[in-house]
């Protein structure tokens, strides 16, 4: 199993310690491009124009549970995971 497959399996468990770097790696693999907004706001645009808008966590790089759930729901709805 490749490292990206392991990352997808890990994400599907909705972990409480999923990092921003892991998320960007996952979304990039699924066809999303990161767009920097104002401040800590980040947008991820998919090839089919699906948009995910999040605030980059700081000072720690661990995502909040609601952020993981939000991205999870979008990726399931789009059939990407």
N, C-alpha and C. Protein backbone atom coordinates (compact mmCIF):
# COMPACT_ATOMS: atom_id res chain seq x y z
N UNK A 1 0.85 -1.18 0.00
CA UNK A 1 0.00 0.00 0.00
C UNK A 1 0.89 1.24 0.00
N UNK A 2 0.61 2.17 -0.90
CA UNK A 2 1.43 3.38 -1.00
C UNK A 2 1.13 4.34 0.15
N UNK A 3 2.00 5.31 0.32
CA UNK A 3 1.83 6.26 1.43
C UNK A 3 0.56 7.10 1.25
N UNK A 4 0.18 7.43 0.01
CA UNK A 4 -1.04 8.22 -0.20
C UNK A 4 -2.27 7.37 0.10
N UNK A 5 -2.22 6.08 -0.21
CA UNK A 5 -3.33 5.19 0.13
C UNK A 5 -3.48 5.08 1.64
N UNK A 6 -2.36 5.00 2.34
CA UNK A 6 -2.38 4.97 3.81
C UNK A 6 -2.96 6.26 4.36
N UNK A 7 -2.62 7.37 3.73
CA UNK A 7 -3.14 8.67 4.17
C UNK A 7 -4.65 8.74 3.98
N UNK A 8 -5.15 8.22 2.87
CA UNK A 8 -6.59 8.21 2.62
C UNK A 8 -7.31 7.33 3.65
N UNK A 9 -6.75 6.17 3.93
CA UNK A 9 -7.34 5.28 4.94
C UNK A 9 -7.36 5.98 6.30
N UNK A 10 -6.27 6.65 6.63
CA UNK A 10 -6.20 7.39 7.90
C UNK A 10 -7.24 8.50 7.95
N UNK A 11 -7.39 9.24 6.85
CA UNK A 11 -8.36 10.33 6.80
C UNK A 11 -9.79 9.83 6.98
N UNK A 12 -10.09 8.66 6.42
CA UNK A 12 -11.43 8.11 6.51
C UNK A 12 -11.84 7.77 7.94
N UNK A 13 -10.87 7.64 8.84
CA UNK A 13 -11.18 7.38 10.25
C UNK A 13 -11.47 8.67 11.01
N UNK A 14 -11.37 9.80 10.32
CA UNK A 14 -11.58 11.13 10.90
C UNK A 14 -10.74 11.34 12.17
N UNK A 15 -9.42 11.25 12.02
CA UNK A 15 -8.55 11.35 13.20
C UNK A 15 -8.57 12.76 13.80
N UNK A 16 -8.32 12.83 15.08
CA UNK A 16 -8.28 14.12 15.78
C UNK A 16 -6.92 14.80 15.65
N UNK A 17 -5.95 14.09 15.09
CA UNK A 17 -4.61 14.66 14.97
C UNK A 17 -4.17 14.79 13.51
N UNK A 18 -5.13 15.03 12.60
CA UNK A 18 -4.81 15.18 11.18
C UNK A 18 -4.23 16.57 10.96
N UNK A 19 -3.05 16.63 10.36
CA UNK A 19 -2.35 17.91 10.23
C UNK A 19 -2.70 18.63 8.92
N UNK A 20 -2.40 19.90 8.89
CA UNK A 20 -2.62 20.71 7.70
C UNK A 20 -1.80 20.18 6.52
N UNK A 21 -0.57 19.79 6.79
CA UNK A 21 0.30 19.26 5.73
C UNK A 21 -0.27 17.97 5.14
N UNK A 22 -0.82 17.12 5.99
CA UNK A 22 -1.45 15.89 5.50
C UNK A 22 -2.66 16.22 4.63
N UNK A 23 -3.44 17.19 5.06
CA UNK A 23 -4.62 17.58 4.30
C UNK A 23 -4.24 18.13 2.93
N UNK A 24 -3.27 19.02 2.88
CA UNK A 24 -2.88 19.59 1.58
C UNK A 24 -2.32 18.52 0.66
N UNK A 25 -1.58 17.57 1.21
CA UNK A 25 -1.06 16.47 0.40
C UNK A 25 -2.21 15.62 -0.15
N UNK A 26 -3.19 15.33 0.69
CA UNK A 26 -4.34 14.54 0.27
C UNK A 26 -5.14 15.26 -0.81
N UNK A 27 -5.44 16.54 -0.58
CA UNK A 27 -6.24 17.29 -1.55
C UNK A 27 -5.48 17.48 -2.87
N UNK A 28 -4.19 17.71 -2.81
CA UNK A 28 -3.40 17.83 -4.04
C UNK A 28 -3.45 16.54 -4.84
N UNK A 29 -3.37 15.41 -4.16
CA UNK A 29 -3.44 14.11 -4.84
C UNK A 29 -4.82 13.91 -5.50
N UNK A 30 -5.87 14.44 -4.88
CA UNK A 30 -7.23 14.27 -5.39
C UNK A 30 -7.60 15.30 -6.46
N UNK A 31 -6.66 16.17 -6.85
CA UNK A 31 -6.89 17.10 -7.94
C UNK A 31 -7.22 18.52 -7.52
N UNK A 32 -7.01 18.85 -6.25
CA UNK A 32 -7.26 20.20 -5.77
C UNK A 32 -6.00 21.05 -5.84
N UNK A 33 -6.17 22.33 -6.06
CA UNK A 33 -5.08 23.30 -6.07
C UNK A 33 -5.34 24.31 -4.96
N UNK A 34 -4.31 24.59 -4.16
CA UNK A 34 -4.47 25.53 -3.05
C UNK A 34 -4.36 26.96 -3.55
N UNK A 35 -5.30 27.80 -3.09
CA UNK A 35 -5.31 29.22 -3.41
C UNK A 35 -5.24 29.98 -2.09
N UNK A 36 -4.23 30.82 -1.95
CA UNK A 36 -4.05 31.58 -0.72
C UNK A 36 -4.98 32.79 -0.72
N UNK A 37 -5.71 32.93 0.37
CA UNK A 37 -6.59 34.08 0.53
C UNK A 37 -6.00 35.07 1.51
N UNK A 38 -6.85 35.91 2.05
CA UNK A 38 -6.37 36.90 3.01
C UNK A 38 -6.17 36.24 4.37
N UNK A 39 -5.11 36.61 5.05
CA UNK A 39 -4.83 36.06 6.37
C UNK A 39 -4.58 34.57 6.30
N UNK A 40 -5.30 33.82 7.15
CA UNK A 40 -5.09 32.37 7.19
C UNK A 40 -6.12 31.62 6.35
N UNK A 41 -6.93 32.32 5.61
CA UNK A 41 -7.95 31.68 4.77
C UNK A 41 -7.29 31.03 3.56
N UNK A 42 -7.69 29.77 3.32
CA UNK A 42 -7.18 29.02 2.18
C UNK A 42 -8.35 28.42 1.42
N UNK A 43 -8.23 28.42 0.11
CA UNK A 43 -9.24 27.81 -0.75
C UNK A 43 -8.56 26.69 -1.53
N UNK A 44 -9.30 25.63 -1.71
CA UNK A 44 -8.83 24.52 -2.53
C UNK A 44 -9.84 24.35 -3.66
N UNK A 45 -9.37 24.54 -4.89
CA UNK A 45 -10.22 24.45 -6.07
C UNK A 45 -9.94 23.13 -6.79
N UNK A 46 -11.00 22.38 -7.03
CA UNK A 46 -10.86 21.11 -7.75
C UNK A 46 -10.96 21.36 -9.24
N UNK A 47 -10.51 20.40 -10.01
CA UNK A 47 -10.56 20.50 -11.47
C UNK A 47 -11.99 20.70 -11.97
N UNK A 48 -12.99 20.18 -11.23
CA UNK A 48 -14.39 20.34 -11.63
C UNK A 48 -15.04 21.57 -10.97
N UNK A 49 -14.20 22.46 -10.44
CA UNK A 49 -14.60 23.74 -9.85
C UNK A 49 -15.26 23.61 -8.48
N UNK A 50 -15.17 22.44 -7.84
CA UNK A 50 -15.62 22.29 -6.46
C UNK A 50 -14.65 23.08 -5.58
N UNK A 51 -15.18 23.82 -4.62
CA UNK A 51 -14.36 24.69 -3.78
C UNK A 51 -14.47 24.27 -2.32
N UNK A 52 -13.33 24.18 -1.65
CA UNK A 52 -13.27 23.94 -0.20
C UNK A 52 -12.58 25.14 0.40
N UNK A 53 -13.23 25.79 1.37
CA UNK A 53 -12.67 26.97 2.01
C UNK A 53 -12.43 26.66 3.49
N UNK A 54 -11.20 26.87 3.94
CA UNK A 54 -10.80 26.59 5.31
C UNK A 54 -9.90 27.70 5.83
N UNK A 55 -9.79 27.77 7.15
CA UNK A 55 -8.77 28.61 7.76
C UNK A 55 -7.62 27.70 8.17
N UNK A 56 -6.43 28.08 7.78
CA UNK A 56 -5.25 27.30 8.16
C UNK A 56 -5.06 27.43 9.66
N UNK A 57 -4.97 26.30 10.35
CA UNK A 57 -4.82 26.37 11.81
C UNK A 57 -3.46 26.93 12.22
N UNK A 58 -3.46 27.69 13.31
CA UNK A 58 -2.22 28.24 13.83
C UNK A 58 -2.41 28.50 15.31
N UNK A 59 -1.43 28.47 16.14
CA UNK A 59 -0.03 28.18 15.83
C UNK A 59 0.22 26.69 15.60
N UNK A 60 -0.65 25.81 16.13
CA UNK A 60 -0.49 24.39 15.85
C UNK A 60 -1.05 24.08 14.48
N UNK A 61 -0.56 23.04 13.86
CA UNK A 61 -0.97 22.71 12.50
C UNK A 61 -1.97 21.57 12.45
N UNK A 62 -2.60 21.28 13.60
CA UNK A 62 -3.59 20.21 13.67
C UNK A 62 -4.97 20.78 13.36
N UNK A 63 -5.70 20.10 12.47
CA UNK A 63 -7.04 20.56 12.09
C UNK A 63 -8.04 20.32 13.21
N UNK A 64 -9.04 21.17 13.29
CA UNK A 64 -10.15 20.99 14.23
C UNK A 64 -11.04 19.86 13.70
N UNK A 65 -11.78 19.23 14.59
CA UNK A 65 -12.64 18.11 14.22
C UNK A 65 -13.68 18.53 13.18
N UNK A 66 -14.22 19.75 13.31
CA UNK A 66 -15.23 20.19 12.35
C UNK A 66 -14.64 20.39 10.96
N UNK A 67 -13.36 20.76 10.87
CA UNK A 67 -12.72 20.92 9.57
C UNK A 67 -12.53 19.57 8.88
N UNK A 68 -12.10 18.59 9.64
CA UNK A 68 -11.94 17.25 9.09
C UNK A 68 -13.29 16.73 8.61
N UNK A 69 -14.33 16.92 9.42
CA UNK A 69 -15.68 16.46 9.05
C UNK A 69 -16.18 17.18 7.81
N UNK A 70 -15.95 18.48 7.71
CA UNK A 70 -16.39 19.26 6.55
C UNK A 70 -15.74 18.75 5.27
N UNK A 71 -14.44 18.57 5.30
CA UNK A 71 -13.71 18.10 4.11
C UNK A 71 -14.12 16.67 3.78
N UNK A 72 -14.27 15.84 4.81
CA UNK A 72 -14.69 14.46 4.61
C UNK A 72 -16.03 14.40 3.89
N UNK A 73 -16.99 15.19 4.35
CA UNK A 73 -18.32 15.20 3.73
C UNK A 73 -18.26 15.65 2.28
N UNK A 74 -17.46 16.65 1.98
CA UNK A 74 -17.34 17.14 0.60
C UNK A 74 -16.71 16.08 -0.29
N UNK A 75 -15.66 15.43 0.19
CA UNK A 75 -14.98 14.43 -0.62
C UNK A 75 -15.86 13.20 -0.86
N UNK A 76 -16.66 12.83 0.13
CA UNK A 76 -17.60 11.72 -0.04
C UNK A 76 -18.68 12.11 -1.05
N UNK A 77 -19.23 13.31 -0.89
CA UNK A 77 -20.28 13.80 -1.79
C UNK A 77 -19.80 13.84 -3.24
N UNK A 78 -18.55 14.22 -3.44
CA UNK A 78 -17.98 14.31 -4.79
C UNK A 78 -17.50 12.96 -5.32
N UNK A 79 -17.52 11.95 -4.45
CA UNK A 79 -17.10 10.61 -4.88
C UNK A 79 -15.60 10.46 -5.03
N UNK A 80 -14.85 11.27 -4.32
CA UNK A 80 -13.39 11.24 -4.45
C UNK A 80 -12.72 10.28 -3.49
N UNK A 81 -13.42 9.94 -2.40
CA UNK A 81 -12.89 8.92 -1.47
C UNK A 81 -13.98 7.93 -1.15
